Amino acid sequence: MSGNVTSNGKPFDGKIVFAPGGSSTDQKTVEATIQGGRYEVPSIPPGTKAINVFSAASPDDAKQKSNRQNGFWVSNPKTVDLQAGSQSIDFSVTRLAP
């Protein structure tokens, strides 16, 4: 699994989180760093995943649960059904004032 993440057409740095959701039988959450607008996850189980993108600053647990990062909300969460094998998924995120 790999892809690009942009904000306003520019590379976005931060963290991407793939959490189990819906039809997923695997309950493992997988995280990856987004650097220069690019992320790569070597191995992620197939199934439905809720995907959230966070800014580069490390969130505390309360902020992470609400997708709030350093005074900004990171929008455009996605839910996708991942298949076995290599895939590429790109994201565009928007930072909004709280």
Protein backbone atom coordinates (compact mmCIF):
# COMPACT_ATOMS: atom_id res chain seq x y z
CA MET A 1 0.00 0.00 0.00
CA SER A 2 1.39 3.36 -0.99
CA GLY A 3 0.26 6.71 -2.22
CA ASN A 4 0.51 10.47 -2.18
CA VAL A 5 -1.05 12.98 0.21
CA THR A 6 -1.52 16.60 -0.73
CA SER A 7 -3.04 19.69 0.85
CA ASN A 8 -3.99 22.53 -1.50
CA GLY A 9 -2.01 20.78 -4.23
CA LYS A 10 1.23 20.65 -2.17
CA PRO A 11 2.89 17.61 -0.53
CA PHE A 12 1.58 17.00 3.00
CA ASP A 13 3.78 15.69 5.85
CA GLY A 14 2.29 13.83 8.78
CA LYS A 15 0.82 10.45 9.66
CA ILE A 16 -1.72 8.17 8.00
CA VAL A 17 -3.69 5.68 10.12
CA PHE A 18 -5.51 2.63 8.76
CA ALA A 19 -7.99 1.39 11.41
CA PRO A 20 -10.24 -1.66 11.10
CA GLY A 21 -13.81 -0.94 10.15
CA GLY A 22 -16.90 -2.55 8.71
CA SER A 23 -16.16 -5.97 7.22
CA SER A 24 -12.57 -6.18 8.50
CA THR A 25 -11.89 -9.34 10.49
CA ASP A 26 -8.39 -8.13 11.41
CA GLN A 27 -8.47 -5.68 14.32
CA LYS A 28 -4.93 -4.34 13.83
CA THR A 29 -4.41 -0.60 13.32
CA VAL A 30 -1.55 0.26 10.95
CA GLU A 31 0.20 3.65 10.90
CA ALA A 32 2.72 5.14 8.49
CA THR A 33 4.65 8.38 8.20
CA ILE A 34 3.87 10.73 5.33
CA GLN A 35 7.06 12.45 4.20
CA GLY A 36 7.31 14.73 1.21
CA GLY A 37 3.69 13.89 0.48
CA ARG A 38 4.40 10.15 0.11
CA TYR A 39 3.55 7.18 2.36
CA GLU A 40 4.27 3.48 2.12
CA VAL A 41 2.91 0.61 4.22
CA PRO A 42 4.80 -2.65 3.59
CA SER A 43 2.02 -4.92 4.83
CA ILE A 44 -1.63 -4.29 5.65
CA PRO A 45 -4.33 -6.95 5.95
CA PRO A 46 -7.19 -6.77 3.41
CA GLY A 47 -10.66 -5.64 4.48
CA THR A 48 -12.52 -2.43 5.20
CA LYS A 49 -10.31 0.28 6.73
CA ALA A 50 -11.14 3.71 8.11
CA ILE A 51 -8.28 5.96 7.00
CA ASN A 52 -7.38 9.21 8.73
CA VAL A 53 -4.59 11.66 7.95
CA PHE A 54 -3.01 13.79 10.70
CA SER A 55 -0.63 16.74 10.61
CA ALA A 56 3.10 16.23 11.30
CA ALA A 57 2.86 17.34 14.94
CA SER A 58 2.32 14.48 17.40
CA PRO A 59 -1.25 14.55 18.73
CA ASP A 60 -2.28 13.67 22.26
CA ASP A 61 -4.92 10.93 22.56
CA ALA A 62 -7.89 13.27 23.07
CA LYS A 63 -7.02 15.35 20.02
CA GLN A 64 -6.34 12.28 17.87
CA LYS A 65 -9.78 10.84 18.65
CA SER A 66 -11.44 13.96 17.30
CA ASN A 67 -9.03 14.47 14.34
CA ARG A 68 -7.96 17.82 15.79
CA GLN A 69 -4.32 18.79 15.35
CA ASN A 70 -2.66 21.88 16.86
CA GLY A 71 -5.66 24.13 16.37
CA PHE A 72 -6.58 22.64 12.99
CA TRP A 73 -8.99 19.95 11.87
CA VAL A 74 -7.70 17.59 9.21
CA SER A 75 -10.67 16.68 7.05
CA ASN A 76 -11.51 14.17 4.31
CA PRO A 77 -11.32 10.83 6.20
CA LYS A 78 -11.99 7.85 3.94
CA THR A 79 -13.26 4.32 4.30
CA VAL A 80 -11.91 1.89 1.73
CA ASP A 81 -12.14 -1.84 1.08
CA LEU A 82 -8.55 -3.01 0.66
CA GLN A 83 -7.84 -6.06 -1.48
CA ALA A 84 -4.86 -8.42 -1.22
CA GLY A 85 -1.82 -7.29 -3.21
CA SER A 86 -0.22 -3.95 -4.00
CA GLN A 87 -2.44 -0.88 -4.14
CA SER A 88 -2.00 2.85 -4.41
CA ILE A 89 -4.43 5.30 -2.79
CA ASP A 90 -3.95 9.06 -2.96
CA PHE A 91 -5.49 11.59 -0.57
CA SER A 92 -6.15 15.29 -0.61
CA VAL A 93 -6.66 16.84 2.82
CA THR A 94 -7.89 20.24 3.88
CA ARG A 95 -6.88 22.00 7.08
CA LEU A 96 -9.71 23.94 8.62
CA ALA A 97 -9.68 26.25 11.63
CA PRO A 98 -11.64 24.73 14.57
